[in-house]
Amino acid sequence: MLAVAILVGGVAGLIWVAMGPEPWGWKILFWPMVVLPALVLAWWWVDRFSAALVVTTKRTTMHNGFFRRSTSEVVHDNIRNVQVDQTFWQRVWKVGKIGISSSGQDGVEVQVNHLPNPDRLRKIIDLYRPL
């Protein structure tokens, strides 16, 4: 949201300076306010839409990457722990982070950030795993 606010401010500043009597003097100060947030938003967009979490009746698979692809898979019979992490603001916006660890690995095998309704997904995974 901060990147969007800076981007809007930069575009408004460029329009304001362009309408003034000296269009090139202050314009150089507003270009970073347009270019840098646009790059941050582009990076976020590619990162956000290059990940997919697929939950089937047998396994949960995480596909990650836009140019380079990586896949991590956990069979539901082997799931030992499902972690859901949400800050206060993430709870307000109903997003969060989910982590799935299996009995075969030490740490979290599958981790997804910015996931809508992570608690609902945890309940779906719990339906398919033996408890």
N, C-alpha and C. Protein backbone atom coordinates (compact mmCIF):
# COMPACT_ATOMS: atom_id res chain seq x y z
N MET A 1 0.82 -1.18 0.00
CA MET A 1 0.00 0.00 0.00
C MET A 1 0.87 1.25 0.00
N LEU A 2 2.03 1.15 0.66
CA LEU A 2 2.95 2.28 0.67
C LEU A 2 3.48 2.56 -0.72
N ALA A 3 3.79 1.51 -1.47
CA ALA A 3 4.28 1.68 -2.84
C ALA A 3 3.22 2.34 -3.72
N VAL A 4 1.97 1.96 -3.54
CA VAL A 4 0.89 2.57 -4.32
C VAL A 4 0.74 4.05 -3.95
N ALA A 5 0.84 4.37 -2.66
CA ALA A 5 0.73 5.77 -2.23
C ALA A 5 1.86 6.62 -2.79
N ILE A 6 3.08 6.09 -2.76
CA ILE A 6 4.22 6.84 -3.31
C ILE A 6 4.07 6.99 -4.82
N LEU A 7 3.61 5.94 -5.49
CA LEU A 7 3.40 6.00 -6.94
C LEU A 7 2.36 7.06 -7.30
N VAL A 8 1.27 7.11 -6.58
CA VAL A 8 0.24 8.12 -6.84
C VAL A 8 0.79 9.52 -6.58
N GLY A 9 1.55 9.68 -5.49
CA GLY A 9 2.16 10.97 -5.19
C GLY A 9 3.14 11.40 -6.26
N GLY A 10 3.92 10.46 -6.77
CA GLY A 10 4.88 10.78 -7.83
C GLY A 10 4.21 11.19 -9.12
N VAL A 11 3.16 10.49 -9.49
CA VAL A 11 2.42 10.85 -10.71
C VAL A 11 1.75 12.20 -10.54
N ALA A 12 1.16 12.45 -9.37
CA ALA A 12 0.54 13.76 -9.12
C ALA A 12 1.59 14.87 -9.16
N GLY A 13 2.78 14.60 -8.59
CA GLY A 13 3.85 15.59 -8.63
C GLY A 13 4.32 15.88 -10.04
N LEU A 14 4.42 14.83 -10.86
CA LEU A 14 4.82 15.04 -12.26
C LEU A 14 3.78 15.87 -13.02
N ILE A 15 2.53 15.61 -12.77
CA ILE A 15 1.47 16.39 -13.43
C ILE A 15 1.52 17.84 -12.96
N TRP A 16 1.70 18.04 -11.66
CA TRP A 16 1.76 19.39 -11.10
C TRP A 16 2.94 20.18 -11.67
N VAL A 17 4.11 19.53 -11.75
CA VAL A 17 5.30 20.21 -12.27
C VAL A 17 5.16 20.47 -13.76
N ALA A 18 4.56 19.52 -14.49
CA ALA A 18 4.41 19.70 -15.94
C ALA A 18 3.48 20.86 -16.27
N MET A 19 2.56 21.16 -15.40
CA MET A 19 1.62 22.24 -15.65
C MET A 19 2.21 23.60 -15.27
N GLY A 20 3.31 23.61 -14.54
CA GLY A 20 3.92 24.87 -14.10
C GLY A 20 4.75 25.51 -15.20
N PRO A 21 5.29 26.70 -14.92
CA PRO A 21 6.07 27.42 -15.93
C PRO A 21 7.43 26.79 -16.21
N GLU A 22 7.98 26.04 -15.27
CA GLU A 22 9.31 25.43 -15.44
C GLU A 22 9.16 23.91 -15.39
N PRO A 23 8.81 23.26 -16.49
CA PRO A 23 8.46 21.84 -16.44
C PRO A 23 9.64 20.91 -16.19
N TRP A 24 10.88 21.28 -16.49
CA TRP A 24 11.98 20.33 -16.35
C TRP A 24 12.74 20.49 -15.06
N GLY A 25 12.61 21.58 -14.35
CA GLY A 25 13.39 21.82 -13.15
C GLY A 25 13.15 20.81 -12.04
N TRP A 26 11.90 20.61 -11.65
CA TRP A 26 11.57 19.72 -10.54
C TRP A 26 11.19 18.32 -10.98
N LYS A 27 11.05 18.10 -12.26
CA LYS A 27 10.59 16.81 -12.76
C LYS A 27 11.54 15.67 -12.38
N ILE A 28 12.82 15.96 -12.33
CA ILE A 28 13.79 14.91 -12.00
C ILE A 28 13.61 14.38 -10.57
N LEU A 29 13.05 15.18 -9.68
CA LEU A 29 12.83 14.73 -8.31
C LEU A 29 11.64 13.78 -8.20
N PHE A 30 10.69 13.88 -9.12
CA PHE A 30 9.49 13.05 -9.03
C PHE A 30 9.62 11.73 -9.79
N TRP A 31 10.57 11.58 -10.69
CA TRP A 31 10.72 10.32 -11.43
C TRP A 31 11.02 9.13 -10.54
N PRO A 32 11.91 9.27 -9.52
CA PRO A 32 12.11 8.10 -8.64
C PRO A 32 10.84 7.71 -7.88
N MET A 33 9.97 8.68 -7.62
CA MET A 33 8.71 8.37 -6.92
C MET A 33 7.75 7.61 -7.82
N VAL A 34 8.01 7.60 -9.11
CA VAL A 34 7.17 6.86 -10.04
C VAL A 34 7.82 5.52 -10.40
N VAL A 35 9.10 5.55 -10.72
CA VAL A 35 9.78 4.36 -11.22
C VAL A 35 10.00 3.31 -10.13
N LEU A 36 10.52 3.71 -8.98
CA LEU A 36 10.82 2.73 -7.92
C LEU A 36 9.58 2.01 -7.40
N PRO A 37 8.49 2.73 -7.06
CA PRO A 37 7.29 1.98 -6.65
C PRO A 37 6.71 1.11 -7.76
N ALA A 38 6.82 1.55 -9.01
CA ALA A 38 6.34 0.72 -10.11
C ALA A 38 7.14 -0.57 -10.20
N LEU A 39 8.45 -0.50 -9.97
CA LEU A 39 9.28 -1.71 -9.96
C LEU A 39 8.92 -2.62 -8.79
N VAL A 40 8.67 -2.02 -7.62
CA VAL A 40 8.29 -2.82 -6.45
C VAL A 40 6.96 -3.52 -6.70
N LEU A 41 6.00 -2.79 -7.26
CA LEU A 41 4.70 -3.41 -7.55
C LEU A 41 4.80 -4.49 -8.61
N ALA A 42 5.65 -4.30 -9.61
CA ALA A 42 5.84 -5.32 -10.64
C ALA A 42 6.47 -6.57 -10.04
N TRP A 43 7.49 -6.37 -9.17
CA TRP A 43 8.12 -7.52 -8.51
C TRP A 43 7.10 -8.25 -7.65
N TRP A 44 6.27 -7.54 -6.88
CA TRP A 44 5.27 -8.16 -6.03
C TRP A 44 4.26 -8.93 -6.88
N TRP A 45 3.85 -8.34 -8.00
CA TRP A 45 2.86 -8.99 -8.85
C TRP A 45 3.40 -10.30 -9.41
N VAL A 46 4.63 -10.30 -9.90
CA VAL A 46 5.24 -11.53 -10.44
C VAL A 46 5.41 -12.55 -9.33
N ASP A 47 5.86 -12.11 -8.15
CA ASP A 47 6.04 -13.03 -7.02
C ASP A 47 4.70 -13.61 -6.56
N ARG A 48 3.70 -12.79 -6.52
CA ARG A 48 2.39 -13.21 -6.03
C ARG A 48 1.72 -14.20 -6.97
N PHE A 49 1.78 -13.96 -8.26
CA PHE A 49 1.08 -14.79 -9.21
C PHE A 49 1.94 -15.88 -9.83
N SER A 50 3.15 -16.09 -9.30
CA SER A 50 3.98 -17.18 -9.80
C SER A 50 4.00 -18.35 -8.83
N ALA A 51 3.14 -18.34 -7.84
CA ALA A 51 3.06 -19.43 -6.87
C ALA A 51 1.67 -20.03 -6.90
N ALA A 52 1.62 -21.34 -6.74
CA ALA A 52 0.32 -22.04 -6.72
C ALA A 52 0.38 -23.15 -5.68
N LEU A 53 -0.65 -23.24 -4.91
CA LEU A 53 -0.80 -24.31 -3.91
C LEU A 53 -1.97 -25.17 -4.34
N VAL A 54 -1.69 -26.46 -4.53
CA VAL A 54 -2.72 -27.40 -4.99
C VAL A 54 -2.96 -28.42 -3.89
N VAL A 55 -4.19 -28.50 -3.41
CA VAL A 55 -4.56 -29.46 -2.36
C VAL A 55 -5.49 -30.48 -2.99
N THR A 56 -5.07 -31.74 -2.98
CA THR A 56 -5.91 -32.83 -3.47
C THR A 56 -6.26 -33.73 -2.29
N THR A 57 -6.93 -34.83 -2.56
CA THR A 57 -7.30 -35.74 -1.46
C THR A 57 -6.09 -36.51 -0.95
N LYS A 58 -5.02 -36.62 -1.72
CA LYS A 58 -3.84 -37.40 -1.34
C LYS A 58 -2.65 -36.55 -0.90
N ARG A 59 -2.47 -35.35 -1.51
CA ARG A 59 -1.26 -34.57 -1.25
C ARG A 59 -1.50 -33.08 -1.42
N THR A 60 -0.57 -32.30 -0.87
CA THR A 60 -0.53 -30.85 -1.06
C THR A 60 0.76 -30.53 -1.79
N THR A 61 0.64 -29.79 -2.91
CA THR A 61 1.79 -29.48 -3.75
C THR A 61 1.91 -27.98 -3.89
N MET A 62 3.15 -27.48 -3.73
CA MET A 62 3.45 -26.07 -3.90
C MET A 62 4.32 -25.90 -5.14
N HIS A 63 3.81 -25.14 -6.11
CA HIS A 63 4.57 -24.79 -7.31
C HIS A 63 5.01 -23.34 -7.15
N ASN A 64 6.29 -23.07 -7.35
CA ASN A 64 6.80 -21.73 -7.13
C ASN A 64 7.75 -21.34 -8.25
N GLY A 65 7.70 -20.11 -8.69
CA GLY A 65 8.64 -19.59 -9.67
C GLY A 65 7.97 -19.15 -10.95
N PHE A 66 8.56 -18.13 -11.57
CA PHE A 66 8.04 -17.62 -12.84
C PHE A 66 8.93 -18.07 -13.98
N PHE A 67 10.22 -17.79 -13.90
CA PHE A 67 11.16 -18.21 -14.94
C PHE A 67 11.77 -19.57 -14.59
N ARG A 68 12.06 -19.78 -13.32
CA ARG A 68 12.60 -21.05 -12.84
C ARG A 68 11.52 -21.67 -11.96
N ARG A 69 11.24 -22.92 -12.12
CA ARG A 69 10.14 -23.57 -11.43
C ARG A 69 10.66 -24.52 -10.36
N SER A 70 10.07 -24.47 -9.16
CA SER A 70 10.38 -25.46 -8.13
C SER A 70 9.07 -25.99 -7.57
N THR A 71 9.09 -27.24 -7.16
CA THR A 71 7.89 -27.89 -6.66
C THR A 71 8.23 -28.61 -5.36
N SER A 72 7.34 -28.48 -4.39
CA SER A 72 7.48 -29.20 -3.13
C SER A 72 6.14 -29.86 -2.85
N GLU A 73 6.21 -31.12 -2.43
CA GLU A 73 5.00 -31.91 -2.26
C GLU A 73 5.03 -32.63 -0.93
N VAL A 74 3.88 -32.67 -0.26
CA VAL A 74 3.74 -33.39 1.00
C VAL A 74 2.51 -34.28 0.90
N VAL A 75 2.71 -35.57 1.14
CA VAL A 75 1.59 -36.52 1.15
C VAL A 75 0.84 -36.33 2.47
N HIS A 76 -0.48 -36.31 2.41
CA HIS A 76 -1.28 -36.02 3.59
C HIS A 76 -1.09 -37.03 4.72
N ASP A 77 -0.75 -38.27 4.39
CA ASP A 77 -0.50 -39.26 5.44
C ASP A 77 0.75 -38.91 6.25
N ASN A 78 1.68 -38.13 5.67
CA ASN A 78 2.93 -37.79 6.34
C ASN A 78 2.92 -36.42 7.02
N ILE A 79 1.84 -35.67 6.92
CA ILE A 79 1.80 -34.33 7.52
C ILE A 79 1.79 -34.45 9.03
N ARG A 80 2.76 -33.78 9.64
CA ARG A 80 2.88 -33.80 11.09
C ARG A 80 2.37 -32.51 11.70
N ASN A 81 2.50 -31.37 10.98
CA ASN A 81 2.12 -30.09 11.55
C ASN A 81 1.68 -29.13 10.44
N VAL A 82 0.62 -28.37 10.73
CA VAL A 82 0.16 -27.30 9.84
C VAL A 82 0.15 -26.03 10.67
N GLN A 83 0.96 -25.05 10.27
CA GLN A 83 1.08 -23.79 10.99
C GLN A 83 0.37 -22.68 10.22
N VAL A 84 -0.41 -21.88 10.92
CA VAL A 84 -1.04 -20.69 10.34
C VAL A 84 -0.56 -19.50 11.14
N ASP A 85 0.07 -18.53 10.45
CA ASP A 85 0.57 -17.31 11.08
C ASP A 85 -0.15 -16.12 10.48
N GLN A 86 -0.70 -15.27 11.35
CA GLN A 86 -1.38 -14.06 10.91
C GLN A 86 -1.09 -12.93 11.90
N THR A 87 -0.73 -11.76 11.39
CA THR A 87 -0.63 -10.58 12.22
C THR A 87 -2.03 -10.02 12.41
N PHE A 88 -2.14 -8.97 13.21
CA PHE A 88 -3.44 -8.36 13.43
C PHE A 88 -4.04 -7.87 12.12
N TRP A 89 -3.24 -7.16 11.31
CA TRP A 89 -3.75 -6.62 10.05
C TRP A 89 -4.05 -7.72 9.04
N GLN A 90 -3.28 -8.80 9.08
CA GLN A 90 -3.58 -9.93 8.20
C GLN A 90 -4.91 -10.58 8.59
N ARG A 91 -5.21 -10.61 9.88
CA ARG A 91 -6.51 -11.15 10.30
C ARG A 91 -7.65 -10.25 9.86
N VAL A 92 -7.42 -8.92 9.90
CA VAL A 92 -8.44 -7.99 9.43
C VAL A 92 -8.72 -8.20 7.94
N TRP A 93 -7.64 -8.37 7.16
CA TRP A 93 -7.78 -8.53 5.70
C TRP A 93 -7.97 -9.98 5.30
N LYS A 94 -8.02 -10.91 6.27
CA LYS A 94 -8.25 -12.34 6.04
C LYS A 94 -7.22 -12.96 5.10
N VAL A 95 -5.94 -12.65 5.35
CA VAL A 95 -4.82 -13.29 4.65
C VAL A 95 -3.84 -13.77 5.71
N GLY A 96 -2.88 -14.57 5.30
CA GLY A 96 -1.89 -15.06 6.25
C GLY A 96 -0.89 -15.97 5.60
N LYS A 97 -0.13 -16.63 6.45
CA LYS A 97 0.92 -17.53 6.00
C LYS A 97 0.61 -18.92 6.55
N ILE A 98 0.79 -19.92 5.69
CA ILE A 98 0.58 -21.30 6.12
C ILE A 98 1.87 -22.08 5.88
N GLY A 99 2.23 -22.92 6.82
CA GLY A 99 3.41 -23.77 6.70
C GLY A 99 3.03 -25.21 7.00
N ILE A 100 3.51 -26.12 6.17
CA ILE A 100 3.20 -27.54 6.32
C ILE A 100 4.51 -28.29 6.48
N SER A 101 4.60 -29.07 7.56
CA SER A 101 5.79 -29.89 7.77
C SER A 101 5.38 -31.35 7.85
N SER A 102 6.27 -32.21 7.39
CA SER A 102 5.96 -33.64 7.36
C SER A 102 6.88 -34.38 8.31
N SER A 103 6.61 -35.65 8.48
CA SER A 103 7.42 -36.46 9.38
C SER A 103 8.77 -36.79 8.78
N GLY A 104 8.95 -36.60 7.47
CA GLY A 104 10.21 -36.93 6.82
C GLY A 104 11.25 -35.83 6.85
N GLN A 105 10.88 -34.59 7.20
CA GLN A 105 11.80 -33.45 7.19
C GLN A 105 11.81 -32.77 8.55
N ASP A 106 12.88 -32.01 8.81
CA ASP A 106 12.99 -31.31 10.09
C ASP A 106 12.14 -30.04 10.13
N GLY A 107 12.21 -29.21 9.09
CA GLY A 107 11.54 -27.92 9.10
C GLY A 107 10.25 -27.92 8.31
N VAL A 108 9.83 -26.72 7.96
CA VAL A 108 8.62 -26.55 7.17
C VAL A 108 8.94 -26.83 5.71
N GLU A 109 8.21 -27.75 5.11
CA GLU A 109 8.45 -28.12 3.72
C GLU A 109 7.74 -27.21 2.74
N VAL A 110 6.49 -26.91 3.02
CA VAL A 110 5.69 -26.07 2.14
C VAL A 110 5.28 -24.84 2.94
N GLN A 111 5.63 -23.66 2.41
CA GLN A 111 5.25 -22.42 3.08
C GLN A 111 4.74 -21.44 2.04
N VAL A 112 3.56 -20.86 2.30
CA VAL A 112 2.94 -19.92 1.37
C VAL A 112 2.60 -18.65 2.14
N ASN A 113 3.03 -17.51 1.61
CA ASN A 113 2.72 -16.21 2.21
C ASN A 113 1.56 -15.57 1.46
N HIS A 114 0.89 -14.65 2.11
CA HIS A 114 -0.19 -13.85 1.51
C HIS A 114 -1.30 -14.73 0.96
N LEU A 115 -1.66 -15.72 1.71
CA LEU A 115 -2.68 -16.68 1.28
C LEU A 115 -4.05 -16.23 1.80
N PRO A 116 -5.06 -16.15 0.94
CA PRO A 116 -6.39 -15.80 1.45
C PRO A 116 -6.98 -16.95 2.25
N ASN A 117 -7.60 -16.63 3.36
CA ASN A 117 -8.26 -17.60 4.24
C ASN A 117 -7.38 -18.80 4.59
N PRO A 118 -6.23 -18.60 5.25
CA PRO A 118 -5.36 -19.73 5.55
C PRO A 118 -5.97 -20.71 6.54
N ASP A 119 -6.83 -20.24 7.43
CA ASP A 119 -7.44 -21.15 8.40
C ASP A 119 -8.42 -22.11 7.71
N ARG A 120 -9.12 -21.61 6.70
CA ARG A 120 -10.02 -22.48 5.93
C ARG A 120 -9.23 -23.55 5.18
N LEU A 121 -8.06 -23.18 4.66
CA LEU A 121 -7.20 -24.14 3.97
C LEU A 121 -6.67 -25.19 4.95
N ARG A 122 -6.32 -24.76 6.16
CA ARG A 122 -5.87 -25.71 7.17
C ARG A 122 -6.97 -26.73 7.48
N LYS A 123 -8.21 -26.27 7.56
CA LYS A 123 -9.33 -27.18 7.83
C LYS A 123 -9.53 -28.16 6.67
N ILE A 124 -9.33 -27.71 5.45
CA ILE A 124 -9.45 -28.60 4.28
C ILE A 124 -8.36 -29.67 4.32
N ILE A 125 -7.12 -29.26 4.64
CA ILE A 125 -6.02 -30.23 4.75
C ILE A 125 -6.29 -31.22 5.87
N ASP A 126 -6.84 -30.74 7.00
CA ASP A 126 -7.15 -31.64 8.11
C ASP A 126 -8.21 -32.67 7.75
N LEU A 127 -9.10 -32.34 6.82
CA LEU A 127 -10.09 -33.33 6.38
C LEU A 127 -9.45 -34.54 5.71
N TYR A 128 -8.33 -34.35 5.03
CA TYR A 128 -7.71 -35.41 4.24
C TYR A 128 -6.55 -36.11 4.93
N ARG A 129 -6.10 -35.61 6.07
CA ARG A 129 -4.99 -36.27 6.74
C ARG A 129 -5.48 -37.03 7.96
N PRO A 130 -4.83 -38.14 8.27
CA PRO A 130 -5.25 -38.90 9.46
C PRO A 130 -4.81 -38.17 10.72
N LEU A 131 -5.73 -37.94 11.63
CA LEU A 131 -5.41 -37.23 12.88
C LEU A 131 -5.40 -38.16 14.06
